[in-house]
């Protein structure tokens, strides 16, 4: 059995940010990553995906992302950055290691993997959501004769050449995939509610400021956090602007059922479900962690009543903008500080 003061599960941007602060504090730790190569889920995204912000606003703690001079950086640039970041700080990443389950062992935890068993005093879970795409349930889904895939499995528009394609979902993924697919196919966009578009000059820098302001407002007891921009709003990156200029960025009300040849309102050859993801936490089920609604109950970043289990990188659930490159550093710093301050991990 291998042992460490802290085990980080997940080697993407959140895991690396936590590793940076643990290394700086002198804590003995390991990062367990189920990917074959560095880069987190960024290496699995569709090739045309770009950040919403310039490189200088998309950084992990300690070292800025190298500039990208062709607009906002593509996913491949982020993968290169994460790979170099991991190497630069000599972070102890073990891969590929799949965590199967976590159990309590005295005051700590035993982490069972497909490679070895680890013991730790503290657990930092950064497994994200990419491995758990959410598929909604609609009548007729199994009878539809066309192609159905989730955004998780989308790569490029070519397979949809000449088709009539339905894009389902009202967020940034749907808008960006619609923008690309509409260049080769006839598209229909279906959303539960009318999408909200940000002004053309608003990007991820503004959204990060919005998230920061929202955090301060909530901390001061002000729950009226509406404003000009919201984190779920659609950022008008150049491909989405181009789709608007072509007249294809119009959403239709959500259908109620599928038929063998489409929906109850439209004929479709294919449907791309851009319907989001759920936290990948199945390996933690043996711990029987407390829940609130449909989520594990958290106080800040740690599990309610269990200060040695920390979650990072899941959006507002674990801190405003914590699913972004620039935002996760702040929440990682606070989480590691809390573990140290409360004496939950010791330094060497």
Protein backbone atom coordinates (compact mmCIF):
# COMPACT_ATOMS: atom_id res chain seq x y z
CA UNK A 1 0.00 0.00 0.00
CA UNK A 2 1.20 3.48 -0.91
CA UNK A 3 0.62 6.34 1.52
CA UNK A 4 0.56 10.14 1.39
CA UNK A 5 -0.77 12.97 3.52
CA UNK A 6 -3.16 13.96 0.72
CA UNK A 7 -4.39 12.26 -2.43
CA UNK A 8 -5.77 14.32 -5.30
CA UNK A 9 -8.13 12.40 -7.58
CA UNK A 10 -8.01 13.94 -11.04
CA UNK A 11 -5.07 15.41 -12.95
CA UNK A 12 -6.76 18.20 -14.88
CA UNK A 13 -6.54 21.93 -14.17
CA UNK A 14 -8.14 21.71 -10.72
CA UNK A 15 -5.89 18.84 -9.64
CA UNK A 16 -2.79 20.68 -10.83
CA UNK A 17 -3.82 23.88 -9.03
CA UNK A 18 -4.32 21.96 -5.78
CA UNK A 19 -0.99 20.21 -6.34
CA UNK A 20 0.76 23.55 -6.77
CA UNK A 21 -0.37 24.78 -3.35
CA UNK A 22 0.29 21.46 -1.61
CA UNK A 23 3.81 21.37 -3.09
CA UNK A 24 4.44 24.96 -2.02
CA UNK A 25 3.30 24.11 1.52
CA UNK A 26 5.55 21.06 1.74
CA UNK A 27 2.75 18.49 1.99
CA UNK A 28 3.42 14.91 0.89
CA UNK A 29 0.82 14.17 -1.81
CA UNK A 30 0.11 12.32 -5.05
CA UNK A 31 -2.23 13.04 -7.95
CA UNK A 32 -4.12 10.08 -9.44
CA UNK A 33 -5.17 10.66 -13.04
CA UNK A 34 -7.08 8.22 -15.23
CA UNK A 35 -5.89 9.87 -18.45
CA UNK A 36 -3.01 8.39 -20.44
CA UNK A 37 -1.46 11.80 -21.09
CA UNK A 38 -1.43 15.20 -19.30
CA UNK A 39 -4.02 17.80 -20.24
CA UNK A 40 -7.16 16.75 -18.41
CA UNK A 41 -10.43 16.74 -20.31
CA UNK A 42 -9.15 19.49 -22.61
CA UNK A 43 -7.55 16.81 -24.75
CA UNK A 44 -10.98 15.23 -25.34
CA UNK A 45 -12.88 18.37 -26.41
CA UNK A 46 -13.82 19.02 -30.02
CA UNK A 47 -10.87 20.54 -31.92
CA UNK A 48 -12.53 23.88 -32.74
CA UNK A 49 -13.28 24.72 -29.09
CA UNK A 50 -11.55 27.91 -27.92
CA UNK A 51 -11.23 29.64 -24.57
CA UNK A 52 -13.46 32.64 -23.91
CA UNK A 53 -10.53 34.80 -22.79
CA UNK A 54 -7.04 35.76 -23.91
CA UNK A 55 -4.19 33.56 -22.68
CA UNK A 56 -3.12 36.09 -20.03
CA UNK A 57 -6.54 35.72 -18.35
CA UNK A 58 -6.42 31.91 -18.45
CA UNK A 59 -3.72 30.90 -16.03
CA UNK A 60 -3.12 28.55 -13.16
CA UNK A 61 -1.27 29.79 -10.05
CA UNK A 62 2.42 30.51 -10.35
CA UNK A 63 2.95 30.50 -14.10
CA UNK A 64 1.00 32.31 -16.85
CA UNK A 65 -0.20 30.64 -20.00
CA UNK A 66 2.08 31.47 -22.97
CA UNK A 67 0.54 34.04 -25.35
CA UNK A 68 -1.62 32.98 -28.26
CA UNK A 69 -1.54 35.57 -31.01
CA UNK A 70 -4.41 34.28 -33.16
CA UNK A 71 -7.30 35.37 -30.94
CA UNK A 72 -8.52 33.23 -28.04
CA UNK A 73 -6.42 30.07 -27.49
CA UNK A 74 -7.71 26.71 -28.81
CA UNK A 75 -8.04 23.61 -26.65
CA UNK A 76 -4.74 22.27 -28.00
CA UNK A 77 -2.91 25.31 -26.60
CA UNK A 78 -4.46 24.65 -23.17
CA UNK A 79 -3.34 21.01 -23.32
CA UNK A 80 0.23 22.10 -24.07
CA UNK A 81 0.09 24.57 -21.18
CA UNK A 82 -1.18 21.98 -18.68
CA UNK A 83 1.41 19.45 -19.81
CA UNK A 84 4.23 21.97 -19.34
CA UNK A 85 2.80 23.23 -16.05
CA UNK A 86 2.76 19.72 -14.61
CA UNK A 87 6.37 19.19 -15.64
CA UNK A 88 7.53 22.64 -14.53
CA UNK A 89 6.38 22.13 -10.94
CA UNK A 90 7.35 18.43 -10.88
CA UNK A 91 3.90 17.45 -9.68
CA UNK A 92 3.71 13.77 -8.64
CA UNK A 93 1.06 12.53 -11.07
CA UNK A 94 0.46 8.78 -11.30
CA UNK A 95 -1.20 7.78 -14.60
CA UNK A 96 -3.07 6.11 -15.98
CA UNK A 97 -4.70 5.23 -12.66
CA UNK A 98 -8.44 4.72 -12.37
CA UNK A 99 -9.90 5.18 -8.87
CA UNK A 100 -12.55 2.54 -8.30
CA UNK A 101 -13.65 3.33 -4.76
CA UNK A 102 -12.75 5.21 -1.60
CA UNK A 103 -13.37 3.85 1.90
CA UNK A 104 -12.72 5.16 5.37
CA UNK A 105 -9.72 3.75 7.20
CA UNK A 106 -9.57 5.01 10.77
CA UNK A 107 -9.27 8.79 10.64
CA UNK A 108 -8.21 8.71 6.99
CA UNK A 109 -9.11 7.10 3.69
CA UNK A 110 -8.16 4.12 1.61
CA UNK A 111 -8.24 4.72 -2.14
CA UNK A 112 -8.64 1.59 -4.26
CA UNK A 113 -7.48 1.83 -7.87
CA UNK A 114 -6.89 -0.47 -10.82
CA UNK A 115 -3.16 -0.15 -10.12
CA UNK A 116 -2.56 0.01 -6.37
CA UNK A 117 -4.12 0.96 -3.05
CA UNK A 118 -3.34 4.32 -1.44
CA UNK A 119 -3.92 5.64 2.07
CA UNK A 120 -4.29 9.32 2.89
CA UNK A 121 -5.29 11.66 5.68
CA UNK A 122 -7.08 14.01 3.26
CA UNK A 123 -8.79 13.61 -0.08
CA UNK A 124 -9.12 16.31 -2.77
CA UNK A 125 -11.59 15.31 -5.46
CA UNK A 126 -11.15 17.07 -8.82
CA UNK A 127 -12.72 14.53 -11.18
CA UNK A 128 -14.89 17.13 -12.94
CA UNK A 129 -17.92 16.27 -15.03
CA UNK A 130 -16.70 15.44 -18.54
CA UNK A 131 -16.93 11.66 -18.04
CA UNK A 132 -20.63 11.91 -17.07
CA UNK A 133 -22.60 13.47 -19.94
CA UNK A 134 -26.24 14.07 -19.06
CA UNK A 135 -28.90 12.72 -21.42
CA UNK A 136 -32.43 14.00 -20.79
CA UNK A 137 -35.39 11.68 -21.25
CA UNK A 138 -37.97 12.41 -23.95
CA UNK A 139 -40.72 10.17 -25.30
CA UNK A 140 -39.69 8.48 -28.53
CA UNK A 141 -35.92 8.72 -28.03
CA UNK A 142 -35.47 5.00 -28.66
CA UNK A 143 -37.69 5.04 -31.73
CA UNK A 144 -35.87 7.88 -33.49
CA UNK A 145 -34.15 6.40 -36.56
CA UNK A 146 -31.58 9.15 -37.04
CA UNK A 147 -28.23 9.78 -35.35
CA UNK A 148 -28.10 10.90 -31.71
CA UNK A 149 -24.95 11.93 -29.89
CA UNK A 150 -24.00 14.03 -26.92
CA UNK A 151 -21.66 17.03 -27.11
CA UNK A 152 -19.22 14.79 -25.22
CA UNK A 153 -18.82 12.73 -28.40
CA UNK A 154 -18.90 15.56 -30.95
CA UNK A 155 -15.65 16.17 -32.84
CA UNK A 156 -16.26 17.91 -36.18
CA UNK A 157 -19.14 18.84 -38.50
CA UNK A 158 -18.20 16.71 -41.52
CA UNK A 159 -20.37 13.66 -40.67
CA UNK A 160 -23.46 15.92 -40.78
CA UNK A 161 -22.85 17.21 -44.30
CA UNK A 162 -26.17 17.85 -46.04
CA UNK A 163 -28.30 16.67 -43.09
CA UNK A 164 -31.02 18.38 -41.11
CA UNK A 165 -29.62 18.53 -37.58
CA UNK A 166 -31.25 19.47 -34.28
CA UNK A 167 -29.03 21.10 -31.64
CA UNK A 168 -30.50 20.81 -28.13
CA UNK A 169 -29.35 23.07 -25.29
CA UNK A 170 -29.13 26.74 -24.46
CA UNK A 171 -25.51 27.17 -23.37
CA UNK A 172 -22.14 27.93 -24.88
CA UNK A 173 -21.49 24.38 -26.06
CA UNK A 174 -24.75 24.35 -28.02
CA UNK A 175 -24.07 27.75 -29.57
CA UNK A 176 -20.54 26.84 -30.61
CA UNK A 177 -21.49 23.44 -32.04
CA UNK A 178 -24.47 24.99 -33.83
CA UNK A 179 -22.18 27.62 -35.32
CA UNK A 180 -19.89 24.93 -36.72
CA UNK A 181 -22.47 22.37 -37.86
CA UNK A 182 -24.56 25.05 -39.58
CA UNK A 183 -21.73 25.58 -42.07
CA UNK A 184 -22.38 22.12 -43.58
CA UNK A 185 -25.96 21.27 -42.57
CA UNK A 186 -29.44 22.70 -42.11
CA UNK A 187 -29.81 23.23 -38.37
CA UNK A 188 -32.61 23.78 -35.87
CA UNK A 189 -31.79 24.98 -32.37
CA UNK A 190 -34.04 23.85 -29.49
CA UNK A 191 -33.86 25.36 -25.99
CA UNK A 192 -35.93 25.17 -22.80
CA UNK A 193 -35.73 28.94 -22.42
CA UNK A 194 -34.69 31.81 -24.63
CA UNK A 195 -30.86 31.99 -24.77
CA UNK A 196 -29.23 35.10 -23.40
CA UNK A 197 -26.37 36.50 -25.47
CA UNK A 198 -23.62 38.66 -24.07
CA UNK A 199 -22.51 41.81 -25.92
CA UNK A 200 -19.85 41.18 -28.54
CA UNK A 201 -17.14 42.85 -26.45
CA UNK A 202 -17.80 40.77 -23.31
CA UNK A 203 -15.62 37.69 -22.79
CA UNK A 204 -14.34 35.48 -20.01
CA UNK A 205 -12.53 38.35 -18.31
CA UNK A 206 -15.85 40.03 -17.57
CA UNK A 207 -17.43 36.75 -16.51
CA UNK A 208 -14.65 36.16 -14.01
CA UNK A 209 -15.23 39.64 -12.56
CA UNK A 210 -18.96 38.87 -12.40
CA UNK A 211 -18.26 35.64 -10.53
CA UNK A 212 -15.99 37.49 -8.11
CA UNK A 213 -18.62 40.18 -7.48
CA UNK A 214 -21.25 37.51 -6.97
CA UNK A 215 -19.09 35.75 -4.39
CA UNK A 216 -18.58 38.99 -2.48
CA UNK A 217 -22.32 39.77 -2.61
CA UNK A 218 -23.31 36.36 -1.31
CA UNK A 219 -20.70 36.56 1.45
CA UNK A 220 -22.18 39.88 2.59
CA UNK A 221 -25.71 38.46 2.65
CA UNK A 222 -26.92 40.10 -0.56
CA UNK A 223 -28.70 37.47 -2.67
CA UNK A 224 -29.72 39.86 -5.43
CA UNK A 225 -26.83 38.97 -7.72
CA UNK A 226 -28.36 39.73 -11.09
CA UNK A 227 -26.48 41.94 -13.49
CA UNK A 228 -25.40 42.63 -17.01
CA UNK A 229 -23.69 39.25 -17.41
CA UNK A 230 -24.31 35.82 -15.97
CA UNK A 231 -22.04 32.79 -16.07
CA UNK A 232 -24.53 30.78 -18.14
CA UNK A 233 -24.85 33.42 -20.84
CA UNK A 234 -23.51 32.78 -24.32
CA UNK A 235 -20.18 34.39 -25.12
CA UNK A 236 -20.09 35.80 -28.64
CA UNK A 237 -16.84 34.25 -29.79
CA UNK A 238 -16.11 34.82 -33.51
CA UNK A 239 -17.74 31.58 -34.81
CA UNK A 240 -20.94 32.35 -32.89
CA UNK A 241 -20.94 35.91 -34.22
CA UNK A 242 -20.54 34.48 -37.72
CA UNK A 243 -23.51 32.16 -37.15
CA UNK A 244 -25.59 35.14 -36.04
CA UNK A 245 -24.57 37.05 -39.16
CA UNK A 246 -25.65 34.07 -41.30
CA UNK A 247 -29.06 34.17 -39.62
CA UNK A 248 -28.92 30.70 -38.05
CA UNK A 249 -28.63 31.68 -34.38
CA UNK A 250 -32.37 31.50 -33.67
CA UNK A 251 -33.69 29.22 -30.93
CA UNK A 252 -37.00 27.36 -31.12
CA UNK A 253 -39.07 26.18 -28.14
CA UNK A 254 -38.15 22.71 -26.93
CA UNK A 255 -40.04 19.84 -28.50
CA UNK A 256 -42.05 17.47 -26.31
CA UNK A 257 -41.35 14.15 -28.03
CA UNK A 258 -39.32 12.44 -30.73
CA UNK A 259 -40.78 10.51 -33.63
CA UNK A 260 -39.00 7.96 -35.85
CA UNK A 261 -38.23 10.77 -38.34
CA UNK A 262 -37.57 13.70 -36.02
CA UNK A 263 -39.58 15.57 -33.42
CA UNK A 264 -43.25 16.34 -33.03
CA UNK A 265 -42.56 19.62 -34.85
CA UNK A 266 -39.61 19.05 -37.22
CA UNK A 267 -38.09 16.41 -39.50
CA UNK A 268 -34.50 15.72 -38.41
CA UNK A 269 -31.74 13.41 -39.54
CA UNK A 270 -29.62 13.85 -36.42
CA UNK A 271 -29.73 15.34 -32.93
CA UNK A 272 -26.78 16.65 -30.92
CA UNK A 273 -27.63 16.85 -27.22
CA UNK A 274 -25.71 19.74 -25.61
CA UNK A 275 -27.41 19.12 -22.29
CA UNK A 276 -24.59 19.34 -19.83
CA UNK A 277 -22.79 17.01 -17.47
CA UNK A 278 -22.98 15.72 -13.92
CA UNK A 279 -20.19 15.44 -11.31
CA UNK A 280 -18.16 12.22 -11.62
CA UNK A 281 -18.28 11.04 -8.00
CA UNK A 282 -19.33 7.38 -8.22
CA UNK A 283 -16.03 6.29 -6.63
CA UNK A 284 -17.03 8.16 -3.45
CA UNK A 285 -20.31 6.30 -2.91
CA UNK A 286 -18.85 3.97 -0.23
CA UNK A 287 -18.28 7.03 1.98
CA UNK A 288 -22.04 7.77 2.13
CA UNK A 289 -21.40 11.50 2.12
CA UNK A 290 -24.25 13.81 3.18
CA UNK A 291 -26.39 15.27 0.42
CA UNK A 292 -28.39 18.43 -0.10
CA UNK A 293 -30.90 18.26 -2.91
CA UNK A 294 -29.24 16.26 -5.67
CA UNK A 295 -25.66 17.16 -4.69
CA UNK A 296 -23.16 16.28 -2.00
CA UNK A 297 -23.52 18.86 0.77
CA UNK A 298 -20.55 21.20 1.02
CA UNK A 299 -19.45 23.90 3.43
CA UNK A 300 -17.21 25.96 1.21
CA UNK A 301 -15.04 23.37 -0.51
CA UNK A 302 -15.17 20.56 2.03
CA UNK A 303 -17.92 18.05 2.66
CA UNK A 304 -20.27 19.09 5.41
CA UNK A 305 -19.11 17.44 8.62
CA UNK A 306 -16.05 15.95 6.92
CA UNK A 307 -13.31 18.55 6.61
CA UNK A 308 -10.77 16.17 5.05
CA UNK A 309 -12.80 15.58 1.86
CA UNK A 310 -12.46 18.56 -0.49
CA UNK A 311 -14.08 19.23 -3.89
CA UNK A 312 -12.53 21.54 -6.48
CA UNK A 313 -13.36 22.62 -10.01
CA UNK A 314 -17.12 22.09 -10.31
CA UNK A 315 -18.32 25.61 -11.03
CA UNK A 316 -20.44 27.54 -8.55
CA UNK A 317 -20.97 24.37 -6.48
CA UNK A 318 -17.34 24.61 -5.35
CA UNK A 319 -16.76 28.35 -5.75
CA UNK A 320 -17.54 31.06 -8.29
CA UNK A 321 -15.73 30.44 -11.58
CA UNK A 322 -14.00 27.40 -10.05
CA UNK A 323 -14.43 25.45 -13.30
CA UNK A 324 -12.27 28.02 -15.16
CA UNK A 325 -8.50 28.11 -15.42
CA UNK A 326 -8.19 31.45 -13.65
CA UNK A 327 -10.91 30.77 -11.07
CA UNK A 328 -9.78 27.34 -9.90
CA UNK A 329 -6.52 28.71 -8.52
CA UNK A 330 -8.33 30.87 -5.99
CA UNK A 331 -10.51 28.04 -4.71
CA UNK A 332 -7.56 25.62 -4.62
CA UNK A 333 -5.54 28.09 -2.55
CA UNK A 334 -8.39 28.54 -0.08
CA UNK A 335 -9.02 24.80 0.21
CA UNK A 336 -5.39 23.93 0.85
CA UNK A 337 -5.07 26.80 3.35
CA UNK A 338 -8.10 25.43 5.19
CA UNK A 339 -6.61 21.93 5.37
CA UNK A 340 -3.37 23.32 6.75
CA UNK A 341 -4.99 25.82 9.12
CA UNK A 342 -7.24 23.17 10.63
CA UNK A 343 -4.36 20.73 10.98
CA UNK A 344 -5.92 18.17 8.65
CA UNK A 345 -2.64 17.65 6.81
CA UNK A 346 0.90 18.10 8.05
CA UNK A 347 3.96 19.45 6.26
CA UNK A 348 7.26 17.68 5.98
